[in-house]
N, C-alpha and C. Protein backbone atom coordinates (compact mmCIF):
# COMPACT_ATOMS: atom_id res chain seq x y z
N UNK A 1 -35.95 0.77 39.28
CA UNK A 1 -35.78 2.20 39.15
C UNK A 1 -35.65 2.52 37.66
N UNK A 2 -36.29 3.56 37.25
CA UNK A 2 -36.23 4.03 35.87
C UNK A 2 -35.18 5.14 35.75
N UNK A 3 -34.71 5.38 34.54
CA UNK A 3 -33.70 6.42 34.30
C UNK A 3 -34.19 7.77 34.82
N UNK A 4 -35.45 8.10 34.59
CA UNK A 4 -35.98 9.39 35.05
C UNK A 4 -35.91 9.51 36.58
N UNK A 5 -36.16 8.42 37.29
CA UNK A 5 -36.08 8.44 38.75
C UNK A 5 -34.64 8.64 39.21
N UNK A 6 -33.70 7.98 38.54
CA UNK A 6 -32.29 8.12 38.88
C UNK A 6 -31.82 9.55 38.61
N UNK A 7 -32.20 10.10 37.48
CA UNK A 7 -31.83 11.48 37.15
C UNK A 7 -32.38 12.44 38.19
N UNK A 8 -33.63 12.26 38.58
CA UNK A 8 -34.23 13.12 39.60
C UNK A 8 -33.47 13.03 40.91
N UNK A 9 -33.13 11.84 41.33
CA UNK A 9 -32.38 11.64 42.58
C UNK A 9 -31.00 12.29 42.49
N UNK A 10 -30.28 12.01 41.41
CA UNK A 10 -28.93 12.54 41.27
C UNK A 10 -28.90 14.05 41.11
N UNK A 11 -29.94 14.63 40.52
CA UNK A 11 -29.98 16.07 40.31
C UNK A 11 -30.05 16.84 41.62
N UNK A 12 -30.42 16.18 42.70
CA UNK A 12 -30.52 16.82 44.02
C UNK A 12 -29.22 16.75 44.81
N UNK A 13 -28.23 16.05 44.27
CA UNK A 13 -26.97 15.83 44.98
C UNK A 13 -25.87 16.73 44.45
N UNK A 14 -24.81 16.84 45.23
CA UNK A 14 -23.62 17.59 44.81
C UNK A 14 -23.07 16.94 43.55
N UNK A 15 -22.90 17.69 42.46
CA UNK A 15 -22.40 17.08 41.23
C UNK A 15 -20.97 16.55 41.33
N UNK A 16 -20.26 16.93 42.39
CA UNK A 16 -18.90 16.42 42.59
C UNK A 16 -18.86 15.20 43.52
N UNK A 17 -20.03 14.73 43.98
CA UNK A 17 -20.07 13.55 44.85
C UNK A 17 -19.66 12.31 44.05
N UNK A 18 -18.91 11.44 44.67
CA UNK A 18 -18.44 10.20 44.02
C UNK A 18 -19.59 9.20 43.92
N UNK A 19 -19.66 8.51 42.82
CA UNK A 19 -20.63 7.43 42.62
C UNK A 19 -19.85 6.12 42.65
N UNK A 20 -20.30 5.19 43.49
CA UNK A 20 -19.57 3.93 43.68
C UNK A 20 -20.52 2.74 43.60
N UNK A 21 -19.93 1.56 43.52
CA UNK A 21 -20.67 0.31 43.63
C UNK A 21 -20.02 -0.50 44.75
N UNK A 22 -20.72 -1.49 45.30
CA UNK A 22 -20.10 -2.34 46.31
C UNK A 22 -18.91 -3.09 45.71
N UNK A 23 -17.88 -3.30 46.53
CA UNK A 23 -16.75 -4.13 46.11
C UNK A 23 -17.15 -5.59 46.07
N UNK A 24 -16.28 -6.42 45.53
CA UNK A 24 -16.59 -7.85 45.38
C UNK A 24 -16.87 -8.51 46.72
N UNK A 25 -16.01 -8.27 47.71
CA UNK A 25 -16.25 -8.85 49.04
C UNK A 25 -16.46 -7.80 50.12
N UNK A 26 -15.82 -6.64 49.96
CA UNK A 26 -16.01 -5.57 50.94
C UNK A 26 -15.61 -4.25 50.30
N UNK A 27 -15.95 -3.17 50.96
CA UNK A 27 -15.59 -1.85 50.48
C UNK A 27 -16.39 -1.43 49.26
N UNK A 28 -15.89 -0.41 48.59
CA UNK A 28 -16.56 0.17 47.43
C UNK A 28 -15.55 0.43 46.34
N UNK A 29 -16.04 0.59 45.11
CA UNK A 29 -15.17 0.92 44.00
C UNK A 29 -15.87 1.89 43.06
N UNK A 30 -15.07 2.60 42.27
CA UNK A 30 -15.61 3.57 41.32
C UNK A 30 -16.38 2.87 40.21
N UNK A 31 -17.30 3.60 39.61
CA UNK A 31 -18.00 3.12 38.42
C UNK A 31 -16.99 3.11 37.27
N UNK A 32 -16.92 2.00 36.57
CA UNK A 32 -16.01 1.91 35.44
C UNK A 32 -16.71 1.52 34.15
N UNK A 33 -17.90 0.98 34.24
CA UNK A 33 -18.60 0.51 33.05
C UNK A 33 -20.08 0.86 33.12
N UNK A 34 -20.61 1.30 32.01
CA UNK A 34 -22.05 1.51 31.86
C UNK A 34 -22.43 0.85 30.54
N UNK A 35 -23.37 -0.06 30.59
CA UNK A 35 -23.81 -0.73 29.38
C UNK A 35 -25.32 -0.59 29.23
N UNK A 36 -25.78 -0.67 28.03
CA UNK A 36 -27.21 -0.61 27.73
C UNK A 36 -27.59 -1.90 27.01
N UNK A 37 -28.82 -2.30 27.16
CA UNK A 37 -29.27 -3.52 26.50
C UNK A 37 -30.73 -3.79 26.79
N UNK A 38 -31.10 -5.05 26.68
CA UNK A 38 -32.47 -5.49 26.95
C UNK A 38 -32.46 -6.46 28.13
N UNK A 39 -33.49 -6.36 28.95
CA UNK A 39 -33.69 -7.29 30.06
C UNK A 39 -35.03 -7.98 29.90
N UNK A 40 -35.10 -9.18 30.43
CA UNK A 40 -36.33 -9.97 30.39
C UNK A 40 -36.61 -10.49 31.79
N UNK A 41 -37.87 -10.33 32.22
CA UNK A 41 -38.25 -10.78 33.56
C UNK A 41 -38.24 -12.30 33.61
N UNK A 42 -37.60 -12.84 34.64
CA UNK A 42 -37.60 -14.29 34.85
C UNK A 42 -38.93 -14.72 35.42
N UNK A 43 -39.34 -15.90 35.06
CA UNK A 43 -40.56 -16.46 35.64
C UNK A 43 -40.16 -17.37 36.80
N UNK A 44 -40.65 -17.08 37.98
CA UNK A 44 -40.39 -17.86 39.18
C UNK A 44 -38.90 -18.05 39.49
N UNK A 45 -38.15 -16.94 39.61
CA UNK A 45 -36.72 -17.10 39.93
C UNK A 45 -36.53 -17.62 41.35
N UNK A 46 -35.42 -18.30 41.55
CA UNK A 46 -35.05 -18.71 42.91
C UNK A 46 -34.76 -17.46 43.73
N UNK A 47 -34.82 -17.55 45.03
CA UNK A 47 -34.65 -16.37 45.87
C UNK A 47 -33.27 -15.75 45.70
N UNK A 48 -32.27 -16.54 45.30
CA UNK A 48 -30.91 -16.01 45.15
C UNK A 48 -30.66 -15.43 43.76
N UNK A 49 -31.58 -15.63 42.83
CA UNK A 49 -31.43 -15.10 41.48
C UNK A 49 -32.08 -13.73 41.37
N UNK A 50 -31.58 -12.93 40.44
CA UNK A 50 -32.21 -11.65 40.16
C UNK A 50 -33.54 -11.85 39.43
N UNK A 51 -34.36 -10.82 39.45
CA UNK A 51 -35.67 -10.89 38.82
C UNK A 51 -35.60 -10.80 37.30
N UNK A 52 -34.44 -10.36 36.75
CA UNK A 52 -34.30 -10.17 35.31
C UNK A 52 -33.10 -10.94 34.79
N UNK A 53 -33.10 -11.19 33.47
CA UNK A 53 -32.00 -11.86 32.81
C UNK A 53 -31.78 -11.22 31.45
N UNK A 54 -30.59 -11.38 30.89
CA UNK A 54 -30.30 -10.84 29.56
C UNK A 54 -30.75 -11.79 28.45
N UNK A 55 -31.03 -13.04 28.78
CA UNK A 55 -31.52 -14.02 27.81
C UNK A 55 -33.03 -14.16 27.98
N UNK A 56 -33.73 -14.26 26.88
CA UNK A 56 -35.18 -14.38 26.94
C UNK A 56 -35.61 -15.85 26.95
N UNK A 57 -35.15 -16.60 27.94
CA UNK A 57 -35.52 -18.00 28.07
C UNK A 57 -36.93 -18.19 28.60
N UNK A 58 -37.57 -17.12 29.00
CA UNK A 58 -38.89 -17.21 29.62
C UNK A 58 -39.96 -16.63 28.71
N UNK A 59 -39.59 -16.28 27.46
CA UNK A 59 -40.54 -15.73 26.49
C UNK A 59 -41.33 -14.57 27.08
N UNK A 60 -40.65 -13.69 27.81
CA UNK A 60 -41.31 -12.54 28.38
C UNK A 60 -40.98 -11.30 27.54
N UNK A 61 -41.73 -10.25 27.76
CA UNK A 61 -41.51 -9.00 27.02
C UNK A 61 -40.26 -8.32 27.55
N UNK A 62 -39.38 -7.90 26.68
CA UNK A 62 -38.15 -7.25 27.09
C UNK A 62 -38.35 -5.77 27.37
N UNK A 63 -37.40 -5.20 28.09
CA UNK A 63 -37.40 -3.76 28.33
C UNK A 63 -35.97 -3.25 28.31
N UNK A 64 -35.83 -1.98 27.93
CA UNK A 64 -34.52 -1.36 27.89
C UNK A 64 -33.93 -1.30 29.29
N UNK A 65 -32.60 -1.41 29.36
CA UNK A 65 -31.93 -1.32 30.67
C UNK A 65 -30.61 -0.60 30.52
N UNK A 66 -30.17 -0.03 31.63
CA UNK A 66 -28.84 0.55 31.78
C UNK A 66 -28.22 -0.14 32.98
N UNK A 67 -27.03 -0.73 32.80
CA UNK A 67 -26.35 -1.39 33.90
C UNK A 67 -25.07 -0.62 34.23
N UNK A 68 -24.90 -0.31 35.50
CA UNK A 68 -23.76 0.46 35.98
C UNK A 68 -23.01 -0.41 36.96
N UNK A 69 -21.70 -0.60 36.73
CA UNK A 69 -20.95 -1.45 37.64
C UNK A 69 -19.48 -1.07 37.67
N UNK A 70 -18.77 -1.63 38.65
CA UNK A 70 -17.36 -1.32 38.87
C UNK A 70 -16.44 -2.29 38.16
N UNK A 71 -15.17 -2.19 38.47
CA UNK A 71 -14.15 -2.93 37.72
C UNK A 71 -14.20 -4.44 37.91
N UNK A 72 -14.66 -4.94 39.04
CA UNK A 72 -14.61 -6.38 39.25
C UNK A 72 -15.64 -7.12 38.41
N UNK A 73 -16.58 -6.43 37.77
CA UNK A 73 -17.63 -7.07 36.97
C UNK A 73 -17.38 -6.91 35.47
N UNK A 74 -16.14 -7.01 35.04
CA UNK A 74 -15.83 -6.82 33.61
C UNK A 74 -16.43 -7.90 32.75
């Protein structure tokens, strides 16, 4: 999802609606951190790994990212 897609989606919602992330094991928690950086696509990730990484170990082209997460992911 790109920032423009997220903005479009959120602009259709009640501005007072709570934004949450999944809890560590269950439930939900408030957004507490937003970070920006670069992501690099992994080459042939295992099924349990994400498609992107913050380290460019795969010599792939980076792209800007925004990461939004709750308190358990400090």
